[in-house]
Amino acid sequence: MLLKLRVLLRVIIFPSELSPRKMRNNMAQGNQWEDLRKRARQLENEIDLKLVSFSKLGTSFSAIRSSDIDSSSDTAPLLNASNSEHMFHTMAMEIEQLLNKLSDVNDRMADYAGSVSVASPSAALLHTLQRHRDILKDYTHEFHKTKANIEACREREELMGSVQREIDSYKSSSGLNRRTDLYLKENEHIRNSERIADETISVAMATKENLSGQKSALKKISSSMNSMANRFPVLNSLIQRINLRKRRDSLILGGVIAVCIVLLLWYAFR
C-alpha cells in the first residue's frame, strides 16, 4: 500500500518522470508485495492455530500414556495411544510444511525488497520483512520446543511402561516360583514323614523280634526247670520244705510283732 501511494505521488508530482509502462510495472510490483504479505499472514494464522492444537495434543498425549500404564485393559488404551501417535506425526508434518511455505514466502519477500531497495530504499518495507522473519523464527522455535517436549514425554512414558511391564512380569514369575517352592517344600515334608514312619515301623519290628526272643528264652528256662524238677524229685521236695519253713518263720515273726504292738497299746492307754 505504501508503495502504491509513493507511485501515485510521484505520478502526481513528477508526471514526466514516469512513463505508462513504468507505472504499470510499479503497480504490478506493489500488487506482488501485497499478495506476498497476504499469503504470509494467512500462513502465519494457520501455523498459529496448528501450534495451539499441537500443544494441546502434547498434554492429552501425556495423559493418555499415563492412563495406558495404570489401566489393566489391553484394547481401548492401546487404540487411544496409537491414534495419538498418528495425530502427532500428522500434525508435525503439516506444521513443518507450513513453516517451509512461510519461509519460501519470506524469501520471495526478501528478494522483492532487495530489488526494490536498490532503486528506492524503504524503511517500512524492510521493517515489515523483518517482522515476518521474526514471526517465522518464533513459530519455528515454538514448534521445535513443543515437539521436543512431546518426544521427551513419549520416551519417559515408554520407559515407565517398560519398567512397569518388567515389574509385572517379575511379579508373575516370582509368584509362580513361590508356588513351585511351596510345592517342593510340601513334597519334602511328605518324604520326611514317610521316612520317619518307615523308621518307626522298623523299630517296632525289631522290638517285636527282641520280645519274641526273650519269650522263647523264658520258655526254654521254664521247660529246663520243669525237666530238672521231674528228674530230681528229692530236690523238689527239699525246695518245698524250704518254702514251708520260710512261710512258718514269716507267720511266727508276724505273730510276735502283733503281740508286741498289742502290749504297747495296752500300756499306753492304761
Protein backbone atom coordinates (compact mmCIF):
# COMPACT_ATOMS: atom_id res chain seq x y z
CA MET A 1 0.00 0.00 0.00
CA LEU A 2 2.81 2.40 0.85
CA LEU A 3 4.46 1.56 -2.43
CA LYS A 4 1.26 2.37 -4.34
CA LEU A 5 0.95 5.71 -2.55
CA ARG A 6 4.56 6.53 -3.38
CA VAL A 7 3.98 5.69 -7.01
CA LEU A 8 0.83 7.80 -7.16
CA LEU A 9 2.59 10.74 -5.52
CA ARG A 10 5.45 10.53 -7.99
CA VAL A 11 2.93 10.44 -10.83
CA ILE A 12 1.13 13.49 -9.49
CA ILE A 13 4.24 15.47 -8.61
CA PHE A 14 6.54 14.30 -11.40
CA PRO A 15 4.31 13.14 -14.24
CA SER A 16 7.07 13.48 -16.81
CA GLU A 17 9.41 11.13 -14.97
CA LEU A 18 7.15 8.05 -15.25
CA SER A 19 6.11 6.53 -18.49
CA PRO A 20 2.90 4.46 -18.66
CA ARG A 21 4.91 1.25 -18.96
CA LYS A 22 6.96 2.08 -15.87
CA MET A 23 3.84 2.98 -13.97
CA ARG A 24 2.32 -0.41 -14.82
CA ASN A 25 5.49 -2.16 -13.61
CA ASN A 26 5.43 -0.30 -10.33
CA MET A 27 1.76 -1.08 -9.83
CA ALA A 28 2.42 -4.77 -10.60
CA GLN A 29 5.27 -4.80 -8.09
CA GLY A 30 3.02 -3.23 -5.47
CA ASN A 31 0.36 -5.86 -6.09
CA GLN A 32 3.01 -8.60 -5.87
CA TRP A 33 4.16 -7.29 -2.46
CA GLU A 34 0.59 -7.16 -1.17
CA ASP A 35 -0.06 -10.70 -2.38
CA LEU A 36 3.07 -11.93 -0.63
CA ARG A 37 2.06 -10.19 2.60
CA LYS A 38 -1.46 -11.66 2.44
CA ARG A 39 -0.02 -15.11 1.80
CA ALA A 40 2.43 -14.68 4.72
CA ARG A 41 -0.35 -13.56 7.11
CA GLN A 42 -2.54 -16.46 6.00
CA LEU A 43 0.25 -18.96 6.63
CA GLU A 44 1.06 -17.36 9.98
CA ASN A 45 -2.58 -17.67 11.11
CA GLU A 46 -2.70 -21.31 10.03
CA ILE A 47 0.59 -22.06 11.81
CA ASP A 48 -0.66 -20.32 14.96
CA LEU A 49 -3.79 -22.48 15.06
CA LYS A 50 -1.80 -25.62 14.32
CA LEU A 51 0.69 -24.84 17.12
CA VAL A 52 -2.15 -24.36 19.63
CA SER A 53 -3.65 -27.72 18.63
CA PHE A 54 -0.19 -29.29 18.69
CA SER A 55 0.43 -28.05 22.24
CA LYS A 56 -2.97 -29.40 23.38
CA LEU A 57 -2.12 -32.72 21.74
CA GLY A 58 1.06 -32.88 23.82
CA THR A 59 -0.85 -32.51 27.11
CA SER A 60 -3.53 -35.02 26.08
CA PHE A 61 -0.83 -37.40 24.83
CA SER A 62 0.89 -37.47 28.24
CA ALA A 63 -2.46 -38.08 29.96
CA ILE A 64 -3.30 -40.96 27.59
CA ARG A 65 0.11 -42.58 28.05
CA SER A 66 -0.26 -42.35 31.83
CA SER A 67 -3.69 -43.96 31.66
CA ASP A 68 -2.21 -46.73 29.47
CA ILE A 69 0.31 -47.61 32.19
CA ASP A 70 -2.21 -47.51 35.05
CA SER A 71 -5.08 -49.31 33.28
CA SER A 72 -5.37 -53.08 33.09
CA SER A 73 -7.25 -53.19 29.77
CA ASP A 74 -5.45 -54.28 26.62
CA THR A 75 -7.73 -52.84 23.92
CA ALA A 76 -9.02 -49.27 24.30
CA PRO A 77 -5.91 -47.65 25.85
CA LEU A 78 -3.71 -49.07 23.13
CA LEU A 79 -6.03 -47.73 20.43
CA ASN A 80 -6.01 -44.25 22.03
CA ALA A 81 -2.24 -44.27 22.18
CA SER A 82 -1.94 -45.30 18.53
CA ASN A 83 -4.38 -42.54 17.49
CA SER A 84 -2.33 -40.01 19.43
CA GLU A 85 0.85 -41.24 17.75
CA HIS A 86 -0.75 -40.87 14.31
CA MET A 87 -2.09 -37.40 15.09
CA PHE A 88 1.30 -36.34 16.46
CA HIS A 89 3.17 -37.35 13.30
CA THR A 90 0.46 -35.91 11.02
CA MET A 91 0.34 -32.53 12.76
CA ALA A 92 4.11 -32.30 12.95
CA MET A 93 4.36 -32.94 9.22
CA GLU A 94 1.66 -30.36 8.44
CA ILE A 95 3.33 -27.70 10.61
CA GLU A 96 6.71 -28.39 9.01
CA GLN A 97 5.16 -27.98 5.56
CA LEU A 98 3.52 -24.70 6.59
CA LEU A 99 6.79 -23.43 8.03
CA ASN A 100 8.58 -24.30 4.81
CA LYS A 101 5.94 -22.47 2.79
CA LEU A 102 6.19 -19.42 5.08
CA SER A 103 9.97 -19.49 4.77
CA ASP A 104 9.64 -19.60 0.99
CA VAL A 105 7.25 -16.63 1.05
CA ASN A 106 9.66 -14.71 3.29
CA ASP A 107 12.50 -15.46 0.85
CA ARG A 108 10.39 -14.15 -2.01
CA MET A 109 9.58 -11.05 0.01
CA ALA A 110 13.28 -10.58 0.75
CA ASP A 111 14.10 -10.87 -2.97
CA TYR A 112 11.40 -8.34 -3.77
CA ALA A 113 12.61 -5.97 -1.03
CA GLY A 114 16.17 -6.31 -2.33
CA SER A 115 15.15 -5.48 -5.87
CA VAL A 116 13.05 -2.50 -4.79
CA SER A 117 15.56 -1.17 -2.24
CA VAL A 118 18.21 -0.79 -4.93
CA ALA A 119 16.10 1.73 -6.77
CA SER A 120 14.30 3.39 -3.83
CA PRO A 121 15.07 2.07 -0.30
CA SER A 122 12.04 1.85 2.05
CA ALA A 123 12.39 1.52 5.83
CA ALA A 124 8.74 0.46 6.23
CA LEU A 125 9.16 -2.34 3.73
CA LEU A 126 12.31 -3.60 5.43
CA HIS A 127 10.61 -3.35 8.83
CA THR A 128 7.66 -5.41 7.60
CA LEU A 129 10.00 -8.02 6.17
CA GLN A 130 11.94 -8.22 9.44
CA ARG A 131 8.70 -8.61 11.41
CA HIS A 132 7.63 -11.55 9.24
CA ARG A 133 11.05 -13.11 9.68
CA ASP A 134 10.81 -12.73 13.46
CA ILE A 135 7.36 -14.35 13.45
CA LEU A 136 8.72 -17.26 11.40
CA LYS A 137 11.63 -17.62 13.80
CA ASP A 138 9.31 -17.59 16.84
CA TYR A 139 6.96 -20.16 15.29
CA THR A 140 9.86 -22.41 14.34
CA HIS A 141 11.32 -22.20 17.84
CA GLU A 142 7.94 -22.89 19.46
CA PHE A 143 7.31 -25.84 17.14
CA HIS A 144 10.67 -27.46 17.83
CA LYS A 145 10.27 -26.83 21.57
CA THR A 146 6.79 -28.39 21.69
CA LYS A 147 7.89 -31.32 19.54
CA ALA A 148 10.93 -31.93 21.77
CA ASN A 149 8.73 -31.83 24.89
CA ILE A 150 6.26 -34.33 23.41
CA GLU A 151 9.06 -36.65 22.29
CA ALA A 152 10.66 -36.44 25.74
CA CYS A 153 7.28 -37.24 27.29
CA ARG A 154 6.89 -40.18 24.90
CA GLU A 155 10.31 -41.55 25.79
CA ARG A 156 9.65 -41.11 29.52
CA GLU A 157 6.26 -42.81 29.33
CA GLU A 158 7.64 -45.64 27.19
CA LEU A 159 10.44 -46.14 29.72
CA MET A 160 7.96 -46.15 32.59
CA GLY A 161 5.73 -48.55 30.68
CA SER A 162 8.62 -50.93 30.01
CA VAL A 163 9.65 -50.78 33.67
CA GLN A 164 6.05 -51.45 34.74
CA ARG A 165 5.82 -54.39 32.35
CA GLU A 166 9.08 -55.79 33.70
CA ILE A 167 7.79 -55.40 37.26
CA ASP A 168 4.53 -57.16 36.36
CA SER A 169 6.38 -59.99 34.63
CA TYR A 170 8.73 -60.31 37.59
CA LYS A 171 5.77 -60.43 39.98
CA SER A 172 4.05 -63.09 37.92
CA SER A 173 7.23 -65.14 37.59
CA SER A 174 8.05 -64.68 41.29
CA GLY A 175 4.52 -65.78 42.23
CA LEU A 176 4.91 -68.90 40.07
CA ASN A 177 8.32 -69.60 41.60
CA ARG A 178 6.86 -69.11 45.09
CA ARG A 179 4.11 -71.63 44.39
CA THR A 180 6.66 -74.05 42.97
CA ASP A 181 8.81 -73.63 46.09
CA LEU A 182 5.80 -74.31 48.30
CA TYR A 183 5.00 -77.46 46.34
CA LEU A 184 8.61 -78.63 46.63
CA LYS A 185 8.66 -77.94 50.37
CA GLU A 186 5.39 -79.80 50.84
CA ASN A 187 6.77 -82.73 48.85
CA GLU A 188 9.90 -82.71 51.01
CA HIS A 189 7.77 -82.72 54.16
CA ILE A 190 5.80 -85.70 52.87
CA ARG A 191 9.02 -87.57 52.12
CA ASN A 192 10.36 -86.81 55.59
CA SER A 193 7.10 -88.07 57.14
CA GLU A 194 7.31 -91.28 55.13
CA ARG A 195 10.94 -91.77 56.19
CA ILE A 196 10.07 -91.24 59.87
CA ALA A 197 7.14 -93.69 59.56
CA ASP A 198 9.44 -96.29 57.98
CA GLU A 199 11.98 -95.85 60.78
CA THR A 200 9.23 -96.20 63.43
CA ILE A 201 7.93 -99.38 61.80
CA SER A 202 11.43 -100.83 61.61
CA VAL A 203 12.00 -100.06 65.32
CA ALA A 204 8.67 -101.72 66.22
CA MET A 205 9.59 -104.79 64.18
CA ALA A 206 12.97 -105.00 65.93
CA THR A 207 11.28 -104.67 69.35
CA LYS A 208 8.84 -107.39 68.43
CA GLU A 209 11.68 -109.69 67.41
CA ASN A 210 13.50 -108.98 70.69
CA LEU A 211 10.38 -109.72 72.74
CA SER A 212 9.83 -112.92 70.78
CA GLY A 213 13.44 -113.91 71.51
CA GLN A 214 13.03 -113.17 75.24
CA LYS A 215 9.77 -115.13 75.31
CA SER A 216 11.42 -118.13 73.71
CA ALA A 217 14.37 -117.83 76.16
CA LEU A 218 11.99 -117.76 79.17
CA LYS A 219 10.12 -120.73 77.79
CA LYS A 220 13.38 -122.64 77.49
CA ILE A 221 14.36 -121.75 81.08
CA SER A 222 10.92 -122.79 82.41
CA SER A 223 11.00 -126.07 80.49
CA SER A 224 14.53 -126.77 81.72
CA MET A 225 13.50 -126.08 85.34
CA ASN A 226 10.48 -128.37 84.99
CA SER A 227 12.61 -131.07 83.44
CA MET A 228 15.11 -130.75 86.31
CA ALA A 229 12.31 -130.95 88.89
CA ASN A 230 10.90 -134.01 87.21
CA ARG A 231 14.30 -135.67 87.05
CA PHE A 232 15.16 -134.97 90.72
CA PRO A 233 12.05 -135.45 92.92
CA VAL A 234 14.15 -135.24 96.09
CA LEU A 235 15.35 -131.83 95.13
CA ASN A 236 11.75 -130.81 94.51
CA SER A 237 10.63 -131.94 97.93
CA LEU A 238 13.59 -130.15 99.52
CA ILE A 239 12.62 -126.96 97.83
CA GLN A 240 9.04 -127.35 99.05
CA ARG A 241 10.23 -127.87 102.64
CA ILE A 242 12.40 -124.80 102.42
CA ASN A 243 9.42 -122.81 101.23
CA LEU A 244 7.22 -124.14 104.08
CA ARG A 245 9.87 -123.25 106.69
CA LYS A 246 10.16 -119.75 105.26
CA ARG A 247 6.39 -119.35 105.40
CA ARG A 248 6.31 -120.64 109.01
CA ASP A 249 9.06 -118.26 110.06
CA SER A 250 7.13 -115.41 108.47
CA LEU A 251 3.99 -116.34 110.42
CA ILE A 252 5.87 -116.55 113.68
CA LEU A 253 7.54 -113.21 113.08
CA GLY A 254 4.19 -111.65 112.29
CA GLY A 255 2.58 -113.03 115.42
CA VAL A 256 5.41 -111.73 117.64
CA ILE A 257 5.12 -108.27 116.09
CA ALA A 258 1.35 -108.27 116.64
CA VAL A 259 1.70 -109.24 120.29
CA CYS A 260 4.26 -106.51 120.85
CA ILE A 261 2.01 -103.90 119.27
CA VAL A 262 -0.94 -105.02 121.43
CA LEU A 263 1.19 -104.83 124.59
CA LEU A 264 2.40 -101.35 123.67
CA LEU A 265 -1.12 -100.14 123.08
CA TRP A 266 -2.36 -101.61 126.29
CA TYR A 267 0.50 -99.99 128.20
CA ALA A 268 -0.12 -96.64 126.52
CA PHE A 269 -3.88 -96.49 127.31
CA ARG A 270 -3.59 -97.80 130.83
